[in-house]
Protein backbone atom coordinates (compact mmCIF):
# COMPACT_ATOMS: atom_id res chain seq x y z
CA MET A 1 0.00 0.00 0.00
CA SER A 2 1.38 3.42 -0.98
CA VAL A 3 2.17 6.23 1.43
CA LEU A 4 -0.83 8.16 0.09
CA ALA A 5 -3.17 5.26 0.69
CA ARG A 6 -1.83 4.59 4.20
CA PHE A 7 -2.21 8.13 5.36
CA GLY A 8 -5.42 9.02 3.55
CA ALA A 9 -7.51 8.52 6.65
CA TRP A 10 -5.20 10.80 8.66
CA LEU A 11 -5.46 13.59 6.12
CA VAL A 12 -9.13 13.84 5.31
CA GLU A 13 -11.04 15.36 8.14
CA PRO A 14 -14.45 17.04 7.98
CA ALA A 15 -14.12 20.75 7.34
CA ALA A 16 -14.66 22.97 10.34
CA PRO A 17 -18.28 24.12 10.45
CA GLU A 18 -19.11 27.72 9.65
CA THR A 19 -19.48 29.58 12.92
CA ARG A 20 -20.90 32.86 11.64
CA PRO A 21 -24.66 32.83 12.33
CA THR A 22 -27.10 33.67 9.59
CA PHE A 23 -30.29 35.59 10.26
CA LEU A 24 -32.20 32.37 10.89
CA ASP A 25 -29.59 31.19 13.40
CA TRP A 26 -30.16 33.98 15.89
CA GLY A 27 -31.90 32.68 18.97
CA ARG A 28 -31.71 29.07 17.84
CA PRO A 29 -30.50 26.66 20.56
CA ALA A 30 -27.38 24.61 19.97
CA PRO A 31 -28.15 21.27 18.27
CA THR A 32 -28.40 18.23 20.48
CA GLU A 33 -26.18 15.17 20.01
CA PRO A 34 -28.93 13.19 18.17
CA GLU A 35 -29.47 16.15 15.85
CA ARG A 36 -25.76 16.35 15.07
CA GLU A 37 -25.62 12.62 14.39
CA ALA A 38 -28.56 12.92 12.03
CA HIS A 39 -26.46 15.09 9.73
CA LEU A 40 -23.57 12.64 9.52
CA PRO A 41 -23.12 10.67 6.26
CA SER A 42 -25.21 7.51 6.26
CA SER A 43 -22.32 5.27 5.20
CA PRO A 44 -18.54 5.42 4.61
CA ALA A 45 -19.13 4.48 0.97
CA ALA A 46 -21.05 7.71 0.39
CA VAL A 47 -18.19 9.75 1.88
CA HIS A 48 -15.48 8.21 -0.31
CA ALA A 49 -17.38 8.22 -3.65
CA ARG A 50 -15.29 11.05 -5.05
CA PRO A 51 -15.24 12.25 -8.64
CA VAL A 52 -12.28 11.68 -10.94
CA VAL A 53 -12.64 13.97 -13.95
CA ALA A 54 -10.44 14.54 -17.01
CA VAL A 55 -10.54 18.00 -18.57
CA VAL A 56 -9.15 18.03 -22.11
CA GLY A 57 -8.70 21.07 -24.34
CA LEU A 58 -9.60 21.01 -28.01
CA ALA A 59 -6.92 23.62 -28.72
CA PRO A 60 -4.20 25.46 -26.79
CA GLY A 61 -5.34 28.52 -24.90
CA CYS A 62 -9.01 27.55 -24.74
CA GLY A 63 -9.22 27.81 -20.94
CA THR A 64 -8.64 24.20 -19.95
CA THR A 65 -6.58 24.98 -16.86
CA THR A 66 -8.99 27.67 -15.69
CA LEU A 67 -11.97 25.34 -16.02
CA ALA A 68 -10.11 22.44 -14.38
CA ARG A 69 -9.31 24.61 -11.36
CA ALA A 70 -12.78 26.15 -11.22
CA LEU A 71 -14.34 22.70 -11.27
CA ALA A 72 -11.89 21.32 -8.70
CA ALA A 73 -12.44 24.27 -6.35
CA THR A 74 -16.19 23.77 -6.62
CA LEU A 75 -15.87 20.05 -5.92
CA ALA A 76 -13.60 20.89 -2.97
CA ARG A 77 -16.30 23.02 -1.37
CA ARG A 78 -18.84 20.22 -1.88
CA ASP A 79 -16.54 17.52 -0.44
CA HIS A 80 -16.32 16.81 3.29
CA GLY A 81 -12.52 17.16 3.16
CA GLY A 82 -12.69 20.75 1.91
CA THR A 83 -10.04 20.33 -0.78
CA ALA A 84 -9.46 18.83 -4.22
CA ILE A 85 -6.52 17.84 -6.41
CA VAL A 86 -5.59 19.12 -9.86
CA ALA A 87 -3.02 16.91 -11.58
CA SER A 88 -1.24 18.47 -14.55
CA THR A 89 2.08 18.22 -16.35
CA ARG A 90 2.03 21.99 -16.82
CA HIS A 91 3.29 24.31 -14.13
CA SER A 92 0.96 27.30 -13.88
CA ALA A 93 0.91 29.98 -11.24
CA GLY A 94 -1.69 30.00 -8.50
CA SER A 95 -2.53 31.83 -5.32
CA ASN A 96 0.08 32.13 -2.58
CA LEU A 97 -2.78 31.80 -0.09
CA SER A 98 -4.37 28.46 0.63
CA ALA A 99 -6.84 26.73 2.87
CA ARG A 100 -5.39 24.64 5.70
CA SER A 101 -6.86 21.42 4.28
CA ALA A 102 -5.17 22.08 0.91
CA ALA A 103 -1.83 22.79 2.59
CA ARG A 104 -2.00 19.53 4.55
CA LEU A 105 -2.86 17.58 1.42
CA ALA A 106 0.00 19.14 -0.55
CA ALA A 107 2.44 18.33 2.26
CA LEU A 108 1.29 14.71 2.31
CA ILE A 109 1.62 14.27 -1.45
CA ALA A 110 5.03 15.95 -1.42
CA ALA A 111 6.16 13.58 1.33
CA ALA A 112 5.24 10.70 -0.98
CA GLY A 113 7.63 12.05 -3.61
CA ALA A 114 5.32 13.91 -6.01
CA PRO A 115 5.83 17.65 -6.59
CA SER A 116 2.85 19.51 -5.17
CA ARG A 117 1.80 22.79 -3.66
CA ALA A 118 -1.34 24.33 -2.24
CA ALA A 119 -3.27 27.14 -3.93
CA GLY A 120 -6.62 28.27 -2.61
CA HIS A 121 -8.73 25.19 -1.94
CA LEU A 122 -6.60 23.08 -4.27
CA CYS A 123 -3.54 20.89 -4.25
CA LEU A 124 -1.66 21.27 -7.54
CA THR A 125 0.49 18.29 -8.42
CA SER A 126 2.12 16.49 -11.30
CA GLY A 127 1.84 13.12 -9.57
CA GLY A 128 0.60 10.34 -11.81
CA ASP A 129 -0.65 7.78 -9.27
CA TYR A 130 -4.25 8.70 -9.97
CA GLY A 131 -5.68 5.72 -8.10
CA ALA A 132 -3.98 6.76 -4.87
CA LEU A 133 -4.77 10.45 -5.33
CA ALA A 134 -8.44 9.72 -5.88
CA GLN A 135 -8.65 8.16 -2.41
CA LEU A 136 -7.70 11.47 -0.82
CA ALA A 137 -9.89 14.07 -2.51
CA PRO A 138 -11.83 14.83 -5.70
CA LEU A 139 -9.37 14.61 -8.58
CA VAL A 140 -9.35 16.69 -11.75
CA LEU A 141 -6.86 15.88 -14.50
CA ASP A 142 -5.78 18.95 -16.47
CA LEU A 143 -4.71 17.38 -19.76
CA PRO A 144 -2.97 19.20 -22.65
CA PRO A 145 -4.45 19.08 -26.16
CA ASP A 146 -1.09 18.33 -27.80
CA ALA A 147 -0.63 14.90 -26.20
CA PRO A 148 -2.70 11.70 -26.12
CA PRO A 149 -5.07 12.32 -23.20
CA ASP A 150 -4.80 9.91 -20.29
CA THR A 151 -8.49 9.59 -19.49
CA ALA A 152 -8.63 5.91 -18.52
CA ALA A 153 -8.78 6.68 -14.79
CA ALA A 154 -11.56 9.23 -15.19
CA GLN A 155 -15.23 8.56 -14.55
CA LEU A 156 -16.10 11.49 -16.81
CA THR A 157 -14.24 13.45 -19.50
CA ILE A 158 -14.91 17.10 -20.23
CA LEU A 159 -13.90 18.49 -23.62
CA VAL A 160 -13.21 22.24 -23.60
CA ALA A 161 -13.83 23.89 -26.98
CA PRO A 162 -13.18 27.55 -27.81
CA GLY A 163 -16.24 29.35 -29.11
CA HIS A 164 -14.62 30.16 -32.47
CA SER A 165 -13.89 26.49 -33.25
CA GLU A 166 -16.02 24.31 -35.50
CA PRO A 167 -18.74 22.39 -33.62
CA ALA A 168 -18.27 19.46 -36.00
CA LEU A 169 -14.61 19.22 -34.97
CA ALA A 170 -15.63 19.18 -31.31
CA GLU A 171 -18.11 16.39 -32.00
CA LEU A 172 -15.40 14.35 -33.72
CA ALA A 173 -13.03 14.86 -30.79
CA SER A 174 -15.79 13.91 -28.38
CA ARG A 175 -16.40 10.62 -30.16
CA THR A 176 -12.65 9.93 -30.08
CA LEU A 177 -12.53 10.51 -26.31
CA ALA A 178 -15.63 8.42 -25.56
CA GLN A 179 -14.93 5.37 -23.45
CA GLY A 180 -17.00 2.80 -21.60
CA GLY A 181 -20.16 3.91 -23.35
CA ARG A 182 -20.00 7.40 -21.82
CA GLU A 183 -19.71 10.42 -24.08
CA PRO A 184 -17.61 13.36 -22.88
CA LEU A 185 -19.35 16.58 -21.96
CA THR A 186 -18.49 19.46 -24.27
CA VAL A 187 -18.04 22.84 -22.58
CA VAL A 188 -17.61 25.92 -24.75
CA THR A 189 -15.63 28.98 -23.68
CA ARG A 190 -15.92 32.51 -25.09
CA ALA A 191 -18.83 31.66 -27.35
CA THR A 192 -19.74 34.80 -29.31
CA ASP A 193 -22.36 32.95 -31.39
CA PRO A 194 -24.21 30.56 -29.04
CA ASP A 195 -26.59 29.43 -31.79
CA ARG A 196 -23.75 27.54 -33.48
CA TRP A 197 -23.52 25.25 -30.44
CA GLN A 198 -27.23 24.62 -29.99
CA GLY A 199 -27.66 20.91 -29.20
CA ARG A 200 -23.93 20.30 -29.55
CA ALA A 201 -22.61 21.35 -26.15
CA PHE A 202 -23.48 20.54 -22.56
CA LEU A 203 -22.62 24.01 -21.33
CA LEU A 204 -21.56 27.43 -22.60
CA LEU A 205 -19.48 29.12 -19.96
CA PRO A 206 -20.30 32.78 -19.30
CA GLN A 207 -17.34 35.13 -19.59
CA SER A 208 -16.03 36.55 -16.34
CA ARG A 209 -12.50 37.88 -15.94
CA ILE A 210 -12.84 38.10 -12.17
CA GLY A 211 -14.26 34.59 -11.96
CA ALA A 212 -11.46 33.24 -14.16
CA ARG A 213 -8.85 34.89 -11.93
CA HIS A 214 -10.43 33.37 -8.82
CA ALA A 215 -10.47 29.94 -10.46
CA ALA A 216 -6.86 30.17 -11.67
CA ALA A 217 -5.82 31.04 -8.12
CA GLY A 218 -7.58 27.95 -6.74
CA TRP A 219 -10.77 29.54 -5.42
CA GLN A 220 -14.37 28.80 -6.36
CA PRO A 221 -15.78 31.30 -8.89
CA ARG A 222 -18.97 33.16 -8.06
CA ALA A 223 -21.94 34.70 -9.86
CA ALA A 224 -22.90 33.36 -13.31
CA LEU A 225 -19.62 31.51 -13.89
CA GLY A 226 -19.89 29.89 -10.48
CA ALA A 227 -23.45 28.76 -11.16
CA ALA A 228 -22.40 27.20 -14.47
CA VAL A 229 -19.51 25.33 -12.86
CA GLN A 230 -21.84 24.15 -10.08
CA ARG A 231 -23.97 22.49 -12.75
CA LEU A 232 -20.90 20.83 -14.20
CA ALA A 233 -19.82 19.66 -10.73
CA GLY A 234 -23.21 18.06 -10.23
CA ALA A 235 -22.75 16.04 -13.43
CA CYS A 236 -19.33 14.91 -12.20
CA GLU A 237 -20.76 13.75 -8.88
CA GLU A 238 -23.50 11.83 -10.67
CA ALA A 239 -20.88 10.06 -12.79
CA ALA A 240 -18.92 9.14 -9.64
CA CYS A 241 -21.99 7.45 -8.14
CA GLU A 242 -22.75 5.30 -11.18
């Protein structure tokens, strides 16, 4: 058993609960022990059913890394461990600030011999032991378009197509990436003519420079971009449960 597998249980702890009260919390008594237990996961299997997603770009510069990090940060906030992993052979900058859970995960992976660092809610690594990494947190593979994509470990593949590209070319690439009877989801970035992609894409990402900067730094995007990525994260979680 690898170092990552042995120490996975030590690393992943439930995220600290939010202590700031909302309007509805004022005057509410503290929950009793039975009430707290009622909110615990019903089974360990449900806790560890984590998504493994491959994000592949149709062309260089189409926003693959930004989407991979936005998706991973969103999955991190939806996971009980509070962090996610982005595995990529490319070394891109990220935030110098990070969540404690991401820092602990990066330290663990680095101790196992794989280069890694924390950025926002993410652990950025080039480690290739996807099976071991997937036991620790949601895993997003940021794959370059100029190399044969390694999507075998993924439960779902996402094809990122720039809005100016030909939809027919994206459909051909999608059929090439299909495996196990599951078609990739096509996500279009910077689509200036949405009608061209009608019925040919799962999602057209809204443009947001601020949201893209948040995602690149390892934080979950907000507003319209965040809502779109939330929908994509839901599809990834469904694929993980199948």
